[in-house]
Every structure is written in C-alpha cells, then in structure tokens.
N, C-alpha and C. Protein backbone atom coordinates (compact mmCIF):
# COMPACT_ATOMS: atom_id res chain seq x y z
N MET A 1 66.87 69.56 -194.14
CA MET A 1 68.30 69.06 -194.50
C MET A 1 69.40 70.42 -194.59
N LEU A 2 68.91 71.50 -195.16
CA LEU A 2 69.99 72.46 -195.14
C LEU A 2 69.98 73.23 -194.13
N LYS A 3 68.63 73.21 -193.19
CA LYS A 3 68.93 73.95 -191.90
C LYS A 3 69.70 72.99 -191.10
N LYS A 4 69.77 71.74 -190.94
CA LYS A 4 70.60 70.91 -190.20
C LYS A 4 71.96 71.23 -190.37
N ILE A 5 72.31 71.11 -191.54
CA ILE A 5 73.66 71.43 -191.88
C ILE A 5 74.21 72.87 -191.51
N ILE A 6 73.34 73.81 -191.70
CA ILE A 6 73.84 75.18 -191.42
C ILE A 6 73.65 75.09 -189.84
N HIS A 7 72.96 74.45 -189.15
CA HIS A 7 72.77 74.62 -187.74
C HIS A 7 74.00 73.80 -186.88
N LEU A 8 74.38 72.96 -187.51
CA LEU A 8 75.60 72.34 -187.02
C LEU A 8 77.11 72.99 -187.31
N ILE A 9 77.13 73.42 -188.37
CA ILE A 9 78.09 74.49 -189.10
C ILE A 9 78.38 75.56 -188.19
N PHE A 10 77.41 76.32 -188.75
CA PHE A 10 77.31 77.84 -188.05
C PHE A 10 77.28 78.17 -186.53
N LEU A 11 76.45 77.17 -185.84
CA LEU A 11 76.70 77.53 -184.33
C LEU A 11 75.93 76.38 -183.68
N PRO A 12 76.45 75.24 -183.21
CA PRO A 12 75.77 74.22 -182.69
C PRO A 12 74.90 74.72 -181.25
N CYS A 13 73.99 74.00 -180.99
CA CYS A 13 73.18 74.07 -179.81
C CYS A 13 74.01 74.40 -178.57
N ARG A 14 75.27 73.37 -178.46
CA ARG A 14 75.79 73.71 -177.18
C ARG A 14 76.49 75.17 -176.93
N GLU A 15 76.81 75.61 -178.16
CA GLU A 15 77.44 77.13 -178.02
C GLU A 15 76.40 78.10 -177.94
N ALA A 16 75.02 77.60 -178.66
CA ALA A 16 74.15 78.79 -178.44
C ALA A 16 73.69 78.90 -177.16
N THR A 17 73.25 77.88 -176.31
CA THR A 17 72.99 77.78 -175.09
C THR A 17 74.00 78.53 -174.05
N LEU A 18 75.19 78.31 -174.49
CA LEU A 18 76.07 78.89 -173.66
C LEU A 18 76.09 80.42 -174.00
N LEU A 19 76.00 81.04 -175.13
CA LEU A 19 76.04 82.31 -175.53
C LEU A 19 74.74 83.06 -174.58
N MET A 20 73.57 82.21 -174.69
CA MET A 20 72.45 82.71 -173.96
C MET A 20 72.76 82.83 -172.60
N GLU A 21 73.21 81.97 -172.09
CA GLU A 21 73.62 81.92 -170.47
C GLU A 21 74.85 83.48 -170.38
N LYS A 22 75.73 83.38 -171.31
CA LYS A 22 76.80 84.60 -171.23
C LYS A 22 76.05 85.74 -171.39
N ARG A 23 74.91 85.81 -172.47
CA ARG A 23 74.38 87.16 -172.64
C ARG A 23 73.50 87.76 -171.40
N ASN A 24 73.27 86.64 -170.38
CA ASN A 24 72.25 86.94 -169.33
C ASN A 24 73.31 87.74 -168.12
N ALA A 25 74.54 87.12 -168.37
CA ALA A 25 75.61 87.42 -167.31
C ALA A 25 76.39 88.63 -167.73
N GLN A 26 76.62 89.07 -168.81
CA GLN A 26 77.60 90.28 -169.33
C GLN A 26 77.15 90.21 -170.89
N THR A 27 77.79 91.31 -171.37
CA THR A 27 77.60 91.67 -172.92
C THR A 27 78.33 90.72 -173.76
N ILE A 28 77.54 90.35 -174.88
CA ILE A 28 78.40 89.62 -175.86
C ILE A 28 78.85 90.61 -176.89
N SER A 29 79.68 90.14 -177.82
CA SER A 29 80.06 90.65 -179.14
C SER A 29 78.89 90.88 -180.21
N ARG A 30 79.05 92.19 -181.06
CA ARG A 30 77.93 91.87 -182.07
C ARG A 30 77.93 90.42 -182.82
N LYS A 31 79.22 89.81 -183.18
CA LYS A 31 79.29 88.92 -184.08
C LYS A 31 78.65 87.45 -183.59
N GLU A 32 78.68 87.35 -181.86
CA GLU A 32 78.19 86.29 -181.08
C GLU A 32 76.53 86.71 -181.23
N ASP A 33 76.36 87.85 -180.86
CA ASP A 33 74.81 87.98 -180.82
C ASP A 33 74.15 87.95 -182.42
N TRP A 34 74.81 88.12 -183.46
CA TRP A 34 74.15 87.81 -184.55
C TRP A 34 74.20 86.23 -184.76
N LYS A 35 75.26 85.74 -184.69
CA LYS A 35 75.09 84.19 -184.59
C LYS A 35 73.99 83.73 -184.03
N LEU A 36 73.88 83.94 -182.61
CA LEU A 36 72.89 83.64 -182.02
C LEU A 36 71.52 83.94 -182.51
N SER A 37 71.24 85.06 -182.73
CA SER A 37 69.97 85.51 -183.15
C SER A 37 69.58 84.53 -184.71
N VAL A 38 70.70 84.10 -185.56
CA VAL A 38 70.52 83.46 -186.70
C VAL A 38 70.12 82.15 -185.92
N HIS A 39 70.87 81.63 -185.08
CA HIS A 39 70.49 80.22 -184.72
C HIS A 39 69.29 80.17 -184.19
N LEU A 40 68.94 81.05 -183.29
CA LEU A 40 67.43 81.12 -182.79
C LEU A 40 66.28 81.04 -183.73
N LYS A 41 66.72 81.64 -184.95
CA LYS A 41 65.70 81.66 -186.17
C LYS A 41 65.39 80.27 -186.63
N ILE A 42 66.49 79.43 -186.55
CA ILE A 42 66.42 78.23 -187.03
C ILE A 42 65.94 77.04 -186.28
N CYS A 43 66.49 77.24 -184.95
CA CYS A 43 66.30 76.23 -184.03
C CYS A 43 65.21 76.26 -183.06
N LYS A 44 64.34 75.42 -183.21
CA LYS A 44 63.00 75.73 -182.18
C LYS A 44 63.57 75.32 -180.77
N TRP A 45 64.03 74.25 -180.72
CA TRP A 45 64.76 73.82 -179.42
C TRP A 45 65.55 75.27 -178.75
N CYS A 46 66.22 75.45 -179.22
CA CYS A 46 66.94 76.63 -178.58
C CYS A 46 66.23 77.83 -178.05
N ARG A 47 65.01 78.16 -178.95
CA ARG A 47 64.02 79.33 -178.83
C ARG A 47 63.24 78.80 -177.65
N ALA A 48 62.84 77.65 -177.47
CA ALA A 48 62.28 77.10 -176.19
C ALA A 48 63.41 77.06 -174.88
N TYR A 49 64.44 77.01 -175.20
CA TYR A 49 65.31 76.83 -173.80
C TYR A 49 65.38 78.56 -173.48
N LYS A 50 65.53 79.40 -174.45
CA LYS A 50 65.83 81.04 -174.53
C LYS A 50 64.18 81.43 -173.72
N GLU A 51 63.15 80.83 -174.08
CA GLU A 51 62.03 81.36 -172.96
C GLU A 51 61.74 80.85 -171.80
N LYS A 52 62.45 79.81 -171.38
CA LYS A 52 62.53 79.16 -170.28
C LYS A 52 63.57 79.76 -169.31
N LEU A 53 64.65 80.09 -169.98
CA LEU A 53 65.80 80.84 -169.39
C LEU A 53 65.03 82.32 -169.03
N GLU A 54 64.55 82.91 -169.65
CA GLU A 54 64.17 83.98 -169.44
C GLU A 54 63.41 84.03 -168.22
N ILE A 55 62.04 83.19 -168.38
CA ILE A 55 61.11 82.80 -167.16
C ILE A 55 61.84 82.81 -165.84
N LEU A 56 62.83 81.74 -165.88
CA LEU A 56 63.84 81.63 -164.48
C LEU A 56 64.33 82.80 -164.27
N ASP A 57 65.11 83.57 -164.95
CA ASP A 57 65.80 84.78 -164.63
C ASP A 57 64.72 85.75 -164.39
N ASP A 58 63.47 86.14 -164.64
CA ASP A 58 62.83 86.75 -163.97
C ASP A 58 62.17 86.58 -162.58
N ILE A 59 62.07 85.06 -162.43
CA ILE A 59 61.80 84.41 -161.14
C ILE A 59 62.85 84.72 -160.07
N LEU A 60 63.90 84.46 -160.58
CA LEU A 60 65.12 84.66 -159.55
C LEU A 60 65.21 86.25 -159.04
N LYS A 61 65.06 87.34 -160.29
CA LYS A 61 65.21 88.46 -159.94
C LYS A 61 64.17 89.02 -158.92
N ARG A 62 62.89 88.40 -158.94
CA ARG A 62 61.95 88.59 -158.08
C ARG A 62 62.03 88.43 -156.75
N LYS A 63 62.74 87.02 -156.62
CA LYS A 63 63.11 86.53 -155.46
C LYS A 63 64.12 87.36 -154.81
N LEU A 64 65.25 87.60 -155.77
CA LEU A 64 66.19 88.30 -154.89
C LEU A 64 65.65 89.84 -154.38
N SER A 65 64.93 90.56 -155.26
CA SER A 65 64.56 91.79 -154.76
C SER A 65 63.68 91.65 -153.41
N GLN A 66 62.87 90.71 -153.42
CA GLN A 66 62.06 90.45 -152.11
C GLN A 66 62.98 90.30 -151.31
N LYS A 67 63.94 89.45 -151.03
CA LYS A 67 64.76 89.12 -150.02
C LYS A 67 65.43 90.10 -149.52
N GLU A 68 65.84 90.97 -150.42
CA GLU A 68 66.55 92.42 -149.87
C GLU A 68 65.53 93.27 -149.25
N GLU A 69 64.22 93.36 -149.48
CA GLU A 69 63.38 94.32 -149.07
C GLU A 69 62.92 93.79 -147.54
N SER A 70 63.07 92.33 -147.53
CA SER A 70 62.58 91.78 -146.25
C SER A 70 63.69 91.66 -145.07
N GLU A 71 64.95 91.77 -145.50
CA GLU A 71 66.00 91.94 -144.78
C GLU A 71 65.83 92.85 -143.41
N VAL A 72 66.23 92.31 -142.43
CA VAL A 72 65.75 93.16 -141.04
C VAL A 72 67.22 93.56 -140.58
N ASN A 73 67.62 94.73 -140.16
CA ASN A 73 68.71 95.17 -139.58
C ASN A 73 68.72 94.47 -138.17
N GLN A 74 70.35 94.18 -137.77
CA GLN A 74 70.25 93.55 -136.48
C GLN A 74 69.84 94.84 -135.34
N SER A 75 70.27 96.00 -135.67
CA SER A 75 69.88 96.94 -134.45
C SER A 75 68.35 97.01 -134.34
N ASP A 76 67.48 96.51 -135.41
CA ASP A 76 66.32 96.78 -135.39
C ASP A 76 65.74 95.65 -134.70
N ILE A 77 66.45 94.65 -134.54
CA ILE A 77 66.02 93.18 -133.97
C ILE A 77 66.18 93.61 -132.33
N GLN A 78 67.31 93.95 -132.03
CA GLN A 78 68.13 94.49 -130.71
C GLN A 78 67.01 95.30 -129.90
N ASP A 79 66.54 96.51 -130.73
CA ASP A 79 65.41 97.30 -130.12
C ASP A 79 64.00 97.06 -130.18
N PHE A 80 63.85 95.87 -130.78
CA PHE A 80 62.48 94.99 -130.63
C PHE A 80 62.44 94.39 -129.26
N LYS A 81 63.85 93.76 -129.37
CA LYS A 81 63.95 92.96 -128.01
C LYS A 81 63.77 93.67 -126.71
N ASN A 82 64.38 95.02 -126.76
CA ASN A 82 64.57 95.87 -125.70
C ASN A 82 63.30 96.26 -125.26
N LYS A 83 62.39 96.82 -126.15
CA LYS A 83 60.97 97.16 -126.05
C LYS A 83 60.01 95.94 -125.39
N VAL A 84 60.31 94.72 -125.93
CA VAL A 84 59.67 93.83 -125.32
C VAL A 84 59.84 93.60 -124.05
N LEU A 85 61.35 93.67 -123.75
CA LEU A 85 61.47 93.18 -122.37
C LEU A 85 61.25 94.36 -121.47
N GLU A 86 61.44 95.73 -121.89
CA GLU A 86 60.61 97.07 -120.98
C GLU A 86 59.31 96.70 -120.71
N LYS A 87 58.43 96.16 -121.63
CA LYS A 87 56.84 96.13 -121.31
C LYS A 87 56.51 94.59 -120.58
N LEU A 88 57.90 93.88 -120.54
CA LEU A 88 57.49 92.42 -119.60
C LEU A 88 57.76 93.09 -118.22
N ASP A 89 58.34 93.93 -118.04
CA ASP A 89 58.73 94.51 -116.53
C ASP A 89 57.53 95.08 -116.08
N ILE A 90 56.77 95.46 -116.85
CA ILE A 90 55.60 96.27 -116.19
C ILE A 90 54.80 95.63 -115.24
C-alpha cells in the first residue's frame, strides 16, 4: 500500500515513461533523474518498459548505422552505368 501511495504522489508512471523518453533524446536534470531512479526501484512495470525501450533504441541505432553505411553516392551509380555501357559497346 505504501509503495502505491509513494508511486502516485512521487512520480506517476505517465511522467516516468515521459522522462525515460526524454532521457533518450536529451539530458535530464539531476532532480528528474533521481525521481526516475526511485520510481524505477518501486515500479516493475516501468522497469519492464525501460528494458524494452533500450532494446528498441539499440535496434534503431543499428538500423540507422547500417543504412548510412549502405548509402551509395549518385556519382558512383553514374560511373557504374557508364562502365556497363562501355562494355556493352564491345
């Protein structure tokens, strides 16, 4: 019962999830970070949300880095086309 009261008064889940998202995008204040860490010690649902958020964030970062590595320059494409056309003329 005490956990539930502290949970609702101190930092509701709605604010905790918002702070987790905010922390991924930018730096949060020490007070916000402290409140969030206390909330995460109390709330198993928000801990589970945090774990899933971290997994999704890692997946997105990997996908973005793969996309950046696989981008092809337009000049490279044109060079390839020119080489193919040269070989076809033979």
